[in-house]
Amino acid sequence: MPRRSAALEIRGRKSGRIISFPVAITQHRGERYLVAMLGEKTNWVRNARAADGRAVLRHGVREDVRLVEVVPGERAAILRSYLQVAPGARPHFPVDRRAPLAEFERIADRYPVFRITPAS
């Protein structure tokens, strides 16, 4: 798997079972992030919030992580970086990947972003 692709494993908020979701990892200013290309109602987002961000990333190795939600005011540059590495997500965004940062700022509240941190 390329370094930017992974499987996110997270406990289902209703079933309690571990569920796996394919995700693209983007980097911005030395940090790694996950973006919900389908917005607020994405199941992995709801599960991550219910699990207090506890999850596992599988990308050749198993990595226990904690997902920390980024506030909308800090998402624009991360969203733009995400569209560079996740071409499959581009149709789900109403802005071009080369758009000015101001256009990403206008839509940032619609797309949850989570910083990947160690699971300490």
PDB file of N, CA and C in Angstrom:
ATOM      1  N   MET A   1       0.841  -1.180   0.000  1.00  0.00           N
ATOM      2  CA  MET A   1       0.000   0.000   0.000  1.00  0.00           C
ATOM      3  C   MET A   1       0.887   1.244   0.000  1.00  0.00           C
ATOM      4  N   PRO A   2       0.579   2.240  -0.818  1.00  0.00           N
ATOM      5  CA  PRO A   2       1.351   3.475  -0.730  1.00  0.00           C
ATOM      6  C   PRO A   2       1.221   4.076   0.664  1.00  0.00           C
ATOM      7  N   ARG A   3       2.206   4.836   1.040  1.00  0.00           N
ATOM      8  CA  ARG A   3       2.237   5.400   2.383  1.00  0.00           C
ATOM      9  C   ARG A   3       1.015   6.259   2.688  1.00  0.00           C
ATOM     10  N   ARG A   4       0.410   6.839   1.684  1.00  0.00           N
ATOM     11  CA  ARG A   4      -0.747   7.710   1.937  1.00  0.00           C
ATOM     12  C   ARG A   4      -2.066   6.942   2.016  1.00  0.00           C
ATOM     13  N   SER A   5      -2.054   5.659   1.736  1.00  0.00           N
ATOM     14  CA  SER A   5      -3.260   4.831   1.831  1.00  0.00           C
ATOM     15  C   SER A   5      -3.187   3.966   3.082  1.00  0.00           C
ATOM     16  N   ALA A   6      -4.338   3.775   3.692  1.00  0.00           N
ATOM     17  CA  ALA A   6      -4.379   2.934   4.887  1.00  0.00           C
ATOM     18  C   ALA A   6      -5.791   2.416   5.077  1.00  0.00           C
ATOM     19  N   ALA A   7      -5.914   1.474   5.974  1.00  0.00           N
ATOM     20  CA  ALA A   7      -7.223   1.023   6.437  1.00  0.00           C
ATOM     21  C   ALA A   7      -7.378   1.565   7.848  1.00  0.00           C
ATOM     22  N   LEU A   8      -8.469   2.254   8.084  1.00  0.00           N
ATOM     23  CA  LEU A   8      -8.786   2.768   9.411  1.00  0.00           C
ATOM     24  C   LEU A   8      -9.697   1.755  10.084  1.00  0.00           C
ATOM     25  N   GLU A   9      -9.277   1.250  11.221  1.00  0.00           N
ATOM     26  CA  GLU A   9     -10.093   0.309  11.990  1.00  0.00           C
ATOM     27  C   GLU A   9     -10.583   1.029  13.238  1.00  0.00           C
ATOM     28  N   ILE A  10     -11.896   1.011  13.408  1.00  0.00           N
ATOM     29  CA  ILE A  10     -12.490   1.736  14.529  1.00  0.00           C
ATOM     30  C   ILE A  10     -13.720   0.981  15.021  1.00  0.00           C
ATOM     31  N   ARG A  11     -13.987   1.074  16.303  1.00  0.00           N
ATOM     32  CA  ARG A  11     -15.128   0.366  16.890  1.00  0.00           C
ATOM     33  C   ARG A  11     -16.428   1.048  16.466  1.00  0.00           C
ATOM     34  N   GLY A  12     -17.379   0.253  16.000  1.00  0.00           N
ATOM     35  CA  GLY A  12     -18.687   0.776  15.607  1.00  0.00           C
ATOM     36  C   GLY A  12     -19.425   1.334  16.810  1.00  0.00           C
ATOM     37  N   ARG A  13     -20.008   2.491  16.672  1.00  0.00           N
ATOM     38  CA  ARG A  13     -20.679   3.152  17.803  1.00  0.00           C
ATOM     39  C   ARG A  13     -21.940   2.425  18.234  1.00  0.00           C
ATOM     40  N   LYS A  14     -22.551   1.660  17.342  1.00  0.00           N
ATOM     41  CA  LYS A  14     -23.769   0.912  17.677  1.00  0.00           C
ATOM     42  C   LYS A  14     -23.477  -0.573  17.891  1.00  0.00           C
ATOM     43  N   SER A  15     -22.721  -1.160  16.971  1.00  0.00           N
ATOM     44  CA  SER A  15     -22.474  -2.603  17.034  1.00  0.00           C
ATOM     45  C   SER A  15     -21.375  -2.984  18.022  1.00  0.00           C
ATOM     46  N   GLY A  16     -20.429  -2.075  18.233  1.00  0.00           N
ATOM     47  CA  GLY A  16     -19.292  -2.399  19.090  1.00  0.00           C
ATOM     48  C   GLY A  16     -18.226  -3.221  18.390  1.00  0.00           C
ATOM     49  N   ARG A  17     -18.501  -3.632  17.148  1.00  0.00           N
ATOM     50  CA  ARG A  17     -17.528  -4.415  16.373  1.00  0.00           C
ATOM     51  C   ARG A  17     -16.507  -3.480  15.727  1.00  0.00           C
ATOM     52  N   ILE A  18     -15.335  -4.036  15.441  1.00  0.00           N
ATOM     53  CA  ILE A  18     -14.305  -3.273  14.732  1.00  0.00           C
ATOM     54  C   ILE A  18     -14.679  -3.237  13.252  1.00  0.00           C
ATOM     55  N   ILE A  19     -14.707  -2.037  12.692  1.00  0.00           N
ATOM     56  CA  ILE A  19     -15.063  -1.828  11.291  1.00  0.00           C
ATOM     57  C   ILE A  19     -13.873  -1.192  10.596  1.00  0.00           C
ATOM     58  N   SER A  20     -13.631  -1.590   9.367  1.00  0.00           N
ATOM     59  CA  SER A  20     -12.494  -1.089   8.612  1.00  0.00           C
ATOM     60  C   SER A  20     -12.964  -0.194   7.466  1.00  0.00           C
ATOM     61  N   PHE A  21     -12.292   0.939   7.288  1.00  0.00           N
ATOM     62  CA  PHE A  21     -12.614   1.898   6.233  1.00  0.00           C
ATOM     63  C   PHE A  21     -11.333   2.257   5.490  1.00  0.00           C
ATOM     64  N   PRO A  22     -11.358   2.294   4.153  1.00  0.00           N
ATOM     65  CA  PRO A  22     -10.175   2.765   3.426  1.00  0.00           C
ATOM     66  C   PRO A  22     -10.077   4.288   3.572  1.00  0.00           C
ATOM     67  N   VAL A  23      -8.870   4.777   3.808  1.00  0.00           N
ATOM     68  CA  VAL A  23      -8.660   6.219   3.962  1.00  0.00           C
ATOM     69  C   VAL A  23      -7.382   6.635   3.245  1.00  0.00           C
ATOM     70  N   ALA A  24      -7.319   7.907   2.918  1.00  0.00           N
ATOM     71  CA  ALA A  24      -6.105   8.509   2.367  1.00  0.00           C
ATOM     72  C   ALA A  24      -5.540   9.432   3.442  1.00  0.00           C
ATOM     73  N   ILE A  25      -4.253   9.332   3.664  1.00  0.00           N
ATOM     74  CA  ILE A  25      -3.580  10.152   4.664  1.00  0.00           C
ATOM     75  C   ILE A  25      -2.887  11.297   3.954  1.00  0.00           C
ATOM     76  N   THR A  26      -3.137  12.503   4.429  1.00  0.00           N
ATOM     77  CA  THR A  26      -2.442  13.657   3.878  1.00  0.00           C
ATOM     78  C   THR A  26      -1.506  14.221   4.932  1.00  0.00           C
ATOM     79  N   GLN A  27      -0.476  14.895   4.481  1.00  0.00           N
ATOM     80  CA  GLN A  27       0.460  15.528   5.407  1.00  0.00           C
ATOM     81  C   GLN A  27       0.417  17.037   5.215  1.00  0.00           C
ATOM     82  N   HIS A  28       0.559  17.729   6.337  1.00  0.00           N
ATOM     83  CA  HIS A  28       0.598  19.191   6.306  1.00  0.00           C
ATOM     84  C   HIS A  28       1.442  19.657   7.487  1.00  0.00           C
ATOM     85  N   ARG A  29       2.474  20.411   7.195  1.00  0.00           N
ATOM     86  CA  ARG A  29       3.372  20.947   8.221  1.00  0.00           C
ATOM     87  C   ARG A  29       3.879  19.873   9.183  1.00  0.00           C
ATOM     88  N   GLY A  30       4.259  18.732   8.611  1.00  0.00           N
ATOM     89  CA  GLY A  30       4.856  17.675   9.398  1.00  0.00           C
ATOM     90  C   GLY A  30       3.883  16.795  10.172  1.00  0.00           C
ATOM     91  N   GLU A  31       2.604  17.056  10.061  1.00  0.00           N
ATOM     92  CA  GLU A  31       1.583  16.258  10.752  1.00  0.00           C
ATOM     93  C   GLU A  31       0.804  15.453   9.721  1.00  0.00           C
ATOM     94  N   ARG A  32       0.202  14.350  10.158  1.00  0.00           N
ATOM     95  CA  ARG A  32      -0.639  13.533   9.284  1.00  0.00           C
ATOM     96  C   ARG A  32      -2.103  13.758   9.640  1.00  0.00           C
ATOM     97  N   TYR A  33      -2.963  13.691   8.597  1.00  0.00           N
ATOM     98  CA  TYR A  33      -4.386  13.974   8.783  1.00  0.00           C
ATOM     99  C   TYR A  33      -5.247  13.014   7.976  1.00  0.00           C
ATOM    100  N   LEU A  34      -6.471  12.810   8.481  1.00  0.00           N
ATOM    101  CA  LEU A  34      -7.530  12.126   7.744  1.00  0.00           C
ATOM    102  C   LEU A  34      -8.630  13.144   7.483  1.00  0.00           C
ATOM    103  N   VAL A  35      -9.214  13.070   6.296  1.00  0.00           N
ATOM    104  CA  VAL A  35     -10.302  13.972   5.906  1.00  0.00           C
ATOM    105  C   VAL A  35     -11.503  13.128   5.519  1.00  0.00           C
ATOM    106  N   ALA A  36     -12.675  13.550   5.959  1.00  0.00           N
ATOM    107  CA  ALA A  36     -13.919  12.867   5.601  1.00  0.00           C
ATOM    108  C   ALA A  36     -14.462  13.476   4.317  1.00  0.00           C
ATOM    109  N   MET A  37     -14.145  12.864   3.191  1.00  0.00           N
ATOM    110  CA  MET A  37     -14.532  13.431   1.899  1.00  0.00           C
ATOM    111  C   MET A  37     -16.042  13.477   1.697  1.00  0.00           C
ATOM    112  N   LEU A  38     -16.792  12.696   2.457  1.00  0.00           N
ATOM    113  CA  LEU A  38     -18.246  12.704   2.313  1.00  0.00           C
ATOM    114  C   LEU A  38     -18.924  13.567   3.370  1.00  0.00           C
ATOM    115  N   GLY A  39     -18.131  14.234   4.191  1.00  0.00           N
ATOM    116  CA  GLY A  39     -18.692  15.190   5.137  1.00  0.00           C
ATOM    117  C   GLY A  39     -19.050  14.626   6.493  1.00  0.00           C
ATOM    118  N   GLU A  40     -19.885  15.380   7.196  1.00  0.00           N
ATOM    119  CA  GLU A  40     -20.251  15.111   8.585  1.00  0.00           C
ATOM    120  C   GLU A  40     -20.919  13.762   8.827  1.00  0.00           C
ATOM    121  N   LYS A  41     -21.654  13.258   7.877  1.00  0.00           N
ATOM    122  CA  LYS A  41     -22.423  12.027   8.105  1.00  0.00           C
ATOM    123  C   LYS A  41     -21.644  10.762   7.789  1.00  0.00           C
ATOM    124  N   THR A  42     -20.355  10.887   7.550  1.00  0.00           N
ATOM    125  CA  THR A  42     -19.517   9.731   7.269  1.00  0.00           C
ATOM    126  C   THR A  42     -19.457   8.830   8.498  1.00  0.00           C
ATOM    127  N   ASN A  43     -19.675   7.541   8.307  1.00  0.00           N
ATOM    128  CA  ASN A  43     -19.708   6.614   9.440  1.00  0.00           C
ATOM    129  C   ASN A  43     -18.424   6.612  10.253  1.00  0.00           C
ATOM    130  N   TRP A  44     -17.271   6.633   9.591  1.00  0.00           N
ATOM    131  CA  TRP A  44     -16.046   6.578  10.384  1.00  0.00           C
ATOM    132  C   TRP A  44     -15.892   7.832  11.248  1.00  0.00           C
ATOM    133  N   VAL A  45     -16.410   8.954  10.810  1.00  0.00           N
ATOM    134  CA  VAL A  45     -16.355  10.181  11.611  1.00  0.00           C
ATOM    135  C   VAL A  45     -17.217  10.014  12.864  1.00  0.00           C
ATOM    136  N   ARG A  46     -18.432   9.542  12.684  1.00  0.00           N
ATOM    137  CA  ARG A  46     -19.318   9.321  13.827  1.00  0.00           C
ATOM    138  C   ARG A  46     -18.729   8.310  14.801  1.00  0.00           C
ATOM    139  N   ASN A  47     -18.124   7.257  14.256  1.00  0.00           N
ATOM    140  CA  ASN A  47     -17.505   6.249  15.112  1.00  0.00           C
ATOM    141  C   ASN A  47     -16.288   6.808  15.840  1.00  0.00           C
ATOM    142  N   ALA A  48     -15.491   7.603  15.160  1.00  0.00           N
ATOM    143  CA  ALA A  48     -14.306   8.198  15.786  1.00  0.00           C
ATOM    144  C   ALA A  48     -14.701   9.107  16.941  1.00  0.00           C
ATOM    145  N   ARG A  49     -15.725   9.902  16.736  1.00  0.00           N
ATOM    146  CA  ARG A  49     -16.194  10.790  17.805  1.00  0.00           C
ATOM    147  C   ARG A  49     -16.707   9.980  18.990  1.00  0.00           C
ATOM    148  N   ALA A  50     -17.446   8.912  18.716  1.00  0.00           N
ATOM    149  CA  ALA A  50     -17.991   8.078  19.800  1.00  0.00           C
ATOM    150  C   ALA A  50     -16.884   7.336  20.543  1.00  0.00           C
ATOM    151  N   ALA A  51     -15.791   7.026  19.854  1.00  0.00           N
ATOM    152  CA  ALA A  51     -14.682   6.277  20.452  1.00  0.00           C
ATOM    153  C   ALA A  51     -13.607   7.195  21.023  1.00  0.00           C
ATOM    154  N   ASP A  52     -13.918   8.472  21.145  1.00  0.00           N
ATOM    155  CA  ASP A  52     -12.940   9.457  21.637  1.00  0.00           C
ATOM    156  C   ASP A  52     -11.658   9.420  20.820  1.00  0.00           C
ATOM    157  N   GLY A  53     -11.796   9.147  19.514  1.00  0.00           N
ATOM    158  CA  GLY A  53     -10.665   9.169  18.599  1.00  0.00           C
ATOM    159  C   GLY A  53      -9.785   7.934  18.599  1.00  0.00           C
ATOM    160  N   ARG A  54     -10.064   6.959  19.445  1.00  0.00           N
ATOM    161  CA  ARG A  54      -9.225   5.754  19.493  1.00  0.00           C
ATOM    162  C   ARG A  54      -9.466   4.904  18.250  1.00  0.00           C
ATOM    163  N   ALA A  55      -8.373   4.565  17.564  1.00  0.00           N
ATOM    164  CA  ALA A  55      -8.488   3.805  16.316  1.00  0.00           C
ATOM    165  C   ALA A  55      -7.160   3.115  16.020  1.00  0.00           C
ATOM    166  N   VAL A  56      -7.164   2.353  14.936  1.00  0.00           N
ATOM    167  CA  VAL A  56      -5.956   1.689  14.441  1.00  0.00           C
ATOM    168  C   VAL A  56      -5.831   2.025  12.962  1.00  0.00           C
ATOM    169  N   LEU A  57      -4.616   2.339  12.531  1.00  0.00           N
ATOM    170  CA  LEU A  57      -4.321   2.481  11.112  1.00  0.00           C
ATOM    171  C   LEU A  57      -3.495   1.278  10.703  1.00  0.00           C
ATOM    172  N   ARG A  58      -3.865   0.669   9.594  1.00  0.00           N
ATOM    173  CA  ARG A  58      -3.086  -0.435   9.028  1.00  0.00           C
ATOM    174  C   ARG A  58      -2.566   0.019   7.673  1.00  0.00           C
ATOM    175  N   HIS A  59      -1.241   0.118   7.611  1.00  0.00           N
ATOM    176  CA  HIS A  59      -0.576   0.503   6.364  1.00  0.00           C
ATOM    177  C   HIS A  59       0.755  -0.228   6.299  1.00  0.00           C
ATOM    178  N   GLY A  60       0.638  -1.528   6.194  1.00  0.00           N
ATOM    179  CA  GLY A  60       1.820  -2.383   6.240  1.00  0.00           C
ATOM    180  C   GLY A  60       2.128  -2.824   7.660  1.00  0.00           C
ATOM    181  N   VAL A  61       1.870  -1.967   8.613  1.00  0.00           N
ATOM    182  CA  VAL A  61       2.021  -2.272  10.041  1.00  0.00           C
ATOM    183  C   VAL A  61       0.770  -1.797  10.750  1.00  0.00           C
ATOM    184  N   ARG A  62       0.596  -2.273  11.954  1.00  0.00           N
ATOM    185  CA  ARG A  62      -0.544  -1.859  12.781  1.00  0.00           C
ATOM    186  C   ARG A  62      -0.093  -0.691  13.639  1.00  0.00           C
ATOM    187  N   GLU A  63      -0.834   0.407  13.598  1.00  0.00           N
ATOM    188  CA  GLU A  63      -0.477   1.601  14.359  1.00  0.00           C
ATOM    189  C   GLU A  63      -1.682   2.048  15.192  1.00  0.00           C
ATOM    190  N   ASP A  64      -1.554   1.948  16.506  1.00  0.00           N
ATOM    191  CA  ASP A  64      -2.604   2.455  17.392  1.00  0.00           C
ATOM    192  C   ASP A  64      -2.509   3.975  17.393  1.00  0.00           C
ATOM    193  N   VAL A  65      -3.646   4.635  17.137  1.00  0.00           N
ATOM    194  CA  VAL A  65      -3.645   6.091  17.031  1.00  0.00           C
ATOM    195  C   VAL A  65      -4.820   6.691  17.792  1.00  0.00           C
ATOM    196  N   ARG A  66      -4.739   7.973  17.954  1.00  0.00           N
ATOM    197  CA  ARG A  66      -5.872   8.760  18.444  1.00  0.00           C
ATOM    198  C   ARG A  66      -6.104   9.844  17.416  1.00  0.00           C
ATOM    199  N   LEU A  67      -7.345   9.984  16.985  1.00  0.00           N
ATOM    200  CA  LEU A  67      -7.720  11.000  16.006  1.00  0.00           C
ATOM    201  C   LEU A  67      -8.246  12.211  16.761  1.00  0.00           C
ATOM    202  N   VAL A  68      -7.617  13.350  16.515  1.00  0.00           N
ATOM    203  CA  VAL A  68      -7.985  14.597  17.186  1.00  0.00           C
ATOM    204  C   VAL A  68      -8.606  15.522  16.150  1.00  0.00           C
ATOM    205  N   GLU A  69      -9.864  15.889  16.380  1.00  0.00           N
ATOM    206  CA  GLU A  69     -10.570  16.711  15.393  1.00  0.00           C
ATOM    207  C   GLU A  69      -9.991  18.121  15.319  1.00  0.00           C
ATOM    208  N   VAL A  70      -9.839  18.595  14.096  1.00  0.00           N
ATOM    209  CA  VAL A  70      -9.313  19.934  13.819  1.00  0.00           C
ATOM    210  C   VAL A  70     -10.494  20.890  13.694  1.00  0.00           C
ATOM    211  N   VAL A  71     -10.393  22.046  14.309  1.00  0.00           N
ATOM    212  CA  VAL A  71     -11.476  23.032  14.234  1.00  0.00           C
ATOM    213  C   VAL A  71     -11.581  23.568  12.805  1.00  0.00           C
ATOM    214  N   PRO A  72     -12.791  23.938  12.367  1.00  0.00           N
ATOM    215  CA  PRO A  72     -12.976  24.396  10.986  1.00  0.00           C
ATOM    216  C   PRO A  72     -12.033  25.524  10.556  1.00  0.00           C
ATOM    217  N   GLY A  73     -11.705  26.428  11.438  1.00  0.00           N
ATOM    218  CA  GLY A  73     -10.839  27.540  11.083  1.00  0.00           C
ATOM    219  C   GLY A  73      -9.418  27.148  10.732  1.00  0.00           C
ATOM    220  N   GLU A  74      -9.038  25.903  11.022  1.00  0.00           N
ATOM    221  CA  GLU A  74      -7.681  25.420  10.734  1.00  0.00           C
ATOM    222  C   GLU A  74      -7.651  24.350   9.650  1.00  0.00           C
ATOM    223  N   ARG A  75      -8.761  24.136   8.978  1.00  0.00           N
ATOM    224  CA  ARG A  75      -8.859  23.026   8.021  1.00  0.00           C
ATOM    225  C   ARG A  75      -8.486  23.366   6.577  1.00  0.00           C
ATOM    226  N   ALA A  76      -8.582  24.603   6.154  1.00  0.00           N
ATOM    227  CA  ALA A  76      -8.493  24.948   4.733  1.00  0.00           C
ATOM    228  C   ALA A  76      -7.235  24.412   4.059  1.00  0.00           C
ATOM    229  N   ALA A  77      -6.074  24.684   4.603  1.00  0.00           N
ATOM    230  CA  ALA A  77      -4.826  24.239   3.974  1.00  0.00           C
ATOM    231  C   ALA A  77      -4.719  22.721   3.965  1.00  0.00           C
ATOM    232  N   ILE A  78      -5.256  22.085   4.992  1.00  0.00           N
ATOM    233  CA  ILE A  78      -5.227  20.621   5.058  1.00  0.00           C
ATOM    234  C   ILE A  78      -6.131  20.034   3.972  1.00  0.00           C
ATOM    235  N   LEU A  79      -7.301  20.634   3.782  1.00  0.00           N
ATOM    236  CA  LEU A  79      -8.205  20.169   2.722  1.00  0.00           C
ATOM    237  C   LEU A  79      -7.550  20.278   1.359  1.00  0.00           C
ATOM    238  N   ARG A  80      -6.870  21.386   1.124  1.00  0.00           N
ATOM    239  CA  ARG A  80      -6.195  21.566  -0.172  1.00  0.00           C
ATOM    240  C   ARG A  80      -5.109  20.508  -0.344  1.00  0.00           C
ATOM    241  N   SER A  81      -4.336  20.231   0.701  1.00  0.00           N
ATOM    242  CA  SER A  81      -3.305  19.184   0.629  1.00  0.00           C
ATOM    243  C   SER A  81      -3.927  17.819   0.363  1.00  0.00           C
ATOM    244  N   TYR A  82      -5.070  17.572   0.996  1.00  0.00           N
ATOM    245  CA  TYR A  82      -5.765  16.299   0.832  1.00  0.00           C
ATOM    246  C   TYR A  82      -6.162  16.067  -0.619  1.00  0.00           C
ATOM    247  N   LEU A  83      -6.669  17.083  -1.269  1.00  0.00           N
ATOM    248  CA  LEU A  83      -7.089  16.914  -2.666  1.00  0.00           C
ATOM    249  C   LEU A  83      -5.910  16.651  -3.595  1.00  0.00           C
ATOM    250  N   GLN A  84      -4.709  16.985  -3.178  1.00  0.00           N
ATOM    251  CA  GLN A  84      -3.524  16.680  -3.979  1.00  0.00           C
ATOM    252  C   GLN A  84      -3.203  15.184  -3.954  1.00  0.00           C
ATOM    253  N   VAL A  85      -3.468  14.525  -2.821  1.00  0.00           N
ATOM    254  CA  VAL A  85      -3.095  13.110  -2.676  1.00  0.00           C
ATOM    255  C   VAL A  85      -4.271  12.144  -2.825  1.00  0.00           C
ATOM    256  N   ALA A  86      -5.489  12.672  -2.875  1.00  0.00           N
ATOM    257  CA  ALA A  86      -6.679  11.817  -2.955  1.00  0.00           C
ATOM    258  C   ALA A  86      -7.528  12.196  -4.166  1.00  0.00           C
ATOM    259  N   PRO A  87      -7.103  11.824  -5.364  1.00  0.00           N
ATOM    260  CA  PRO A  87      -7.860  12.210  -6.556  1.00  0.00           C
ATOM    261  C   PRO A  87      -9.295  11.691  -6.559  1.00  0.00           C
ATOM    262  N   GLY A  88      -9.550  10.572  -5.912  1.00  0.00           N
ATOM    263  CA  GLY A  88     -10.900  10.033  -5.848  1.00  0.00           C
ATOM    264  C   GLY A  88     -11.851  10.902  -5.037  1.00  0.00           C
ATOM    265  N   ALA A  89     -11.298  11.765  -4.209  1.00  0.00           N
ATOM    266  CA  ALA A  89     -12.129  12.648  -3.379  1.00  0.00           C
ATOM    267  C   ALA A  89     -12.542  13.919  -4.124  1.00  0.00           C
ATOM    268  N   ARG A  90     -11.856  14.264  -5.161  1.00  0.00           N
ATOM    269  CA  ARG A  90     -12.092  15.542  -5.851  1.00  0.00           C
ATOM    270  C   ARG A  90     -13.539  15.762  -6.281  1.00  0.00           C
ATOM    271  N   PRO A  91     -14.248  14.745  -6.788  1.00  0.00           N
ATOM    272  CA  PRO A  91     -15.639  14.983  -7.182  1.00  0.00           C
ATOM    273  C   PRO A  91     -16.562  15.338  -6.010  1.00  0.00           C
ATOM    274  N   HIS A  92     -16.133  15.072  -4.791  1.00  0.00           N
ATOM    275  CA  HIS A  92     -16.958  15.327  -3.617  1.00  0.00           C
ATOM    276  C   HIS A  92     -16.760  16.731  -3.038  1.00  0.00           C
ATOM    277  N   PHE A  93     -15.857  17.497  -3.621  1.00  0.00           N
ATOM    278  CA  PHE A  93     -15.566  18.842  -3.143  1.00  0.00           C
ATOM    279  C   PHE A  93     -16.000  19.869  -4.185  1.00  0.00           C
ATOM    280  N   PRO A  94     -16.651  20.944  -3.755  1.00  0.00           N
ATOM    281  CA  PRO A  94     -17.132  21.954  -4.703  1.00  0.00           C
ATOM    282  C   PRO A  94     -16.064  22.972  -5.118  1.00  0.00           C
ATOM    283  N   VAL A  95     -14.804  22.676  -4.851  1.00  0.00           N
ATOM    284  CA  VAL A  95     -13.718  23.566  -5.262  1.00  0.00           C
ATOM    285  C   VAL A  95     -12.651  22.746  -5.970  1.00  0.00           C
ATOM    286  N   ASP A  96     -11.896  23.404  -6.834  1.00  0.00           N
ATOM    287  CA  ASP A  96     -10.806  22.760  -7.542  1.00  0.00           C
ATOM    288  C   ASP A  96      -9.610  22.613  -6.605  1.00  0.00           C
ATOM    289  N   ARG A  97      -8.824  21.571  -6.802  1.00  0.00           N
ATOM    290  CA  ARG A  97      -7.670  21.331  -5.928  1.00  0.00           C
ATOM    291  C   ARG A  97      -6.639  22.447  -5.998  1.00  0.00           C
ATOM    292  N   ARG A  98      -6.680  23.256  -7.043  1.00  0.00           N
ATOM    293  CA  ARG A  98      -5.739  24.373  -7.194  1.00  0.00           C
ATOM    294  C   ARG A  98      -6.357  25.706  -6.792  1.00  0.00           C
ATOM    295  N   ALA A  99      -7.558  25.673  -6.229  1.00  0.00           N
ATOM    296  CA  ALA A  99      -8.273  26.903  -5.852  1.00  0.00           C
ATOM    297  C   ALA A  99      -7.515  27.654  -4.754  1.00  0.00           C
ATOM    298  N   PRO A 100      -7.742  28.963  -4.681  1.00  0.00           N
ATOM    299  CA  PRO A 100      -7.124  29.743  -3.599  1.00  0.00           C
ATOM    300  C   PRO A 100      -7.607  29.242  -2.235  1.00  0.00           C
ATOM    301  N   LEU A 101      -6.790  29.447  -1.235  1.00  0.00           N
ATOM    302  CA  LEU A 101      -7.102  29.004   0.121  1.00  0.00           C
ATOM    303  C   LEU A 101      -8.441  29.563   0.608  1.00  0.00           C
ATOM    304  N   ALA A 102      -8.784  30.754   0.190  1.00  0.00           N
ATOM    305  CA  ALA A 102     -10.048  31.379   0.614  1.00  0.00           C
ATOM    306  C   ALA A 102     -11.254  30.520   0.221  1.00  0.00           C
ATOM    307  N   GLU A 103     -11.195  29.844  -0.916  1.00  0.00           N
ATOM    308  CA  GLU A 103     -12.304  28.983  -1.334  1.00  0.00           C
ATOM    309  C   GLU A 103     -12.424  27.762  -0.416  1.00  0.00           C
ATOM    310  N   PHE A 104     -11.296  27.253   0.042  1.00  0.00           N
ATOM    311  CA  PHE A 104     -11.320  26.125   0.981  1.00  0.00           C
ATOM    312  C   PHE A 104     -11.827  26.578   2.344  1.00  0.00           C
ATOM    313  N   GLU A 105     -11.520  27.802   2.719  1.00  0.00           N
ATOM    314  CA  GLU A 105     -12.008  28.337   3.996  1.00  0.00           C
ATOM    315  C   GLU A 105     -13.534  28.388   4.016  1.00  0.00           C
ATOM    316  N   ARG A 106     -14.145  28.683   2.880  1.00  0.00           N
ATOM    317  CA  ARG A 106     -15.606  28.777   2.797  1.00  0.00           C
ATOM    318  C   ARG A 106     -16.312  27.429   2.980  1.00  0.00           C
ATOM    319  N   ILE A 107     -15.621  26.345   2.687  1.00  0.00           N
ATOM    320  CA  ILE A 107     -16.250  25.015   2.785  1.00  0.00           C
ATOM    321  C   ILE A 107     -15.715  24.181   3.941  1.00  0.00           C
ATOM    322  N   ALA A 108     -14.752  24.700   4.670  1.00  0.00           N
ATOM    323  CA  ALA A 108     -14.040  23.915   5.688  1.00  0.00           C
ATOM    324  C   ALA A 108     -14.955  23.320   6.757  1.00  0.00           C
ATOM    325  N   ASP A 109     -16.038  23.995   7.075  1.00  0.00           N
ATOM    326  CA  ASP A 109     -16.920  23.472   8.127  1.00  0.00           C
ATOM    327  C   ASP A 109     -17.726  22.257   7.683  1.00  0.00           C
ATOM    328  N   ARG A 110     -17.725  21.951   6.396  1.00  0.00           N
ATOM    329  CA  ARG A 110     -18.491  20.805   5.871  1.00  0.00           C
ATOM    330  C   ARG A 110     -17.715  19.492   5.879  1.00  0.00           C
ATOM    331  N   TYR A 111     -16.388  19.558   6.028  1.00  0.00           N
ATOM    332  CA  TYR A 111     -15.538  18.372   5.880  1.00  0.00           C
ATOM    333  C   TYR A 111     -14.697  18.160   7.131  1.00  0.00           C
ATOM    334  N   PRO A 112     -15.072  17.216   7.987  1.00  0.00           N
ATOM    335  CA  PRO A 112     -14.287  16.943   9.189  1.00  0.00           C
ATOM    336  C   PRO A 112     -12.855  16.530   8.851  1.00  0.00           C
ATOM    337  N   VAL A 113     -11.940  17.013   9.656  1.00  0.00           N
ATOM    338  CA  VAL A 113     -10.514  16.709   9.514  1.00  0.00           C
ATOM    339  C   VAL A 113     -10.009  16.267  10.891  1.00  0.00           C
ATOM    340  N   PHE A 114      -9.195  15.214  10.902  1.00  0.00           N
ATOM    341  CA  PHE A 114      -8.645  14.686  12.142  1.00  0.00           C
ATOM    342  C   PHE A 114      -7.136  14.572  12.018  1.00  0.00           C
ATOM    343  N   ARG A 115      -6.422  15.116  13.015  1.00  0.00           N
ATOM    344  CA  ARG A 115      -4.967  14.937  13.098  1.00  0.00           C
ATOM    345  C   ARG A 115      -4.702  13.564  13.706  1.00  0.00           C
ATOM    346  N   ILE A 116      -3.754  12.845  13.137  1.00  0.00           N
ATOM    347  CA  ILE A 116      -3.370  11.517  13.609  1.00  0.00           C
ATOM    348  C   ILE A 116      -2.283  11.704  14.658  1.00  0.00           C
ATOM    349  N   THR A 117      -2.541  11.219  15.865  1.00  0.00           N
ATOM    350  CA  THR A 117      -1.555  11.319  16.943  1.00  0.00           C
ATOM    351  C   THR A 117      -1.294   9.928  17.514  1.00  0.00           C
ATOM    352  N   PRO A 118      -0.193   9.748  18.220  1.00  0.00           N
ATOM    353  CA  PRO A 118       0.054   8.448  18.869  1.00  0.00           C
ATOM    354  C   PRO A 118      -1.019   8.162  19.912  1.00  0.00           C
ATOM    355  N   ALA A 119      -1.287   6.909  20.138  1.00  0.00           N
ATOM    356  CA  ALA A 119      -2.360   6.498  21.051  1.00  0.00           C
ATOM    357  C   ALA A 119      -1.882   6.400  22.488  1.00  0.00           C
ATOM    358  N   SER A 120      -1.240   7.383  22.997  1.00  0.00           N
ATOM    359  CA  SER A 120      -0.756   7.310  24.384  1.00  0.00           C
ATOM    360  C   SER A 120      -1.822   7.665  25.292  1.00  0.00           C
TER     361      SER A 120
END
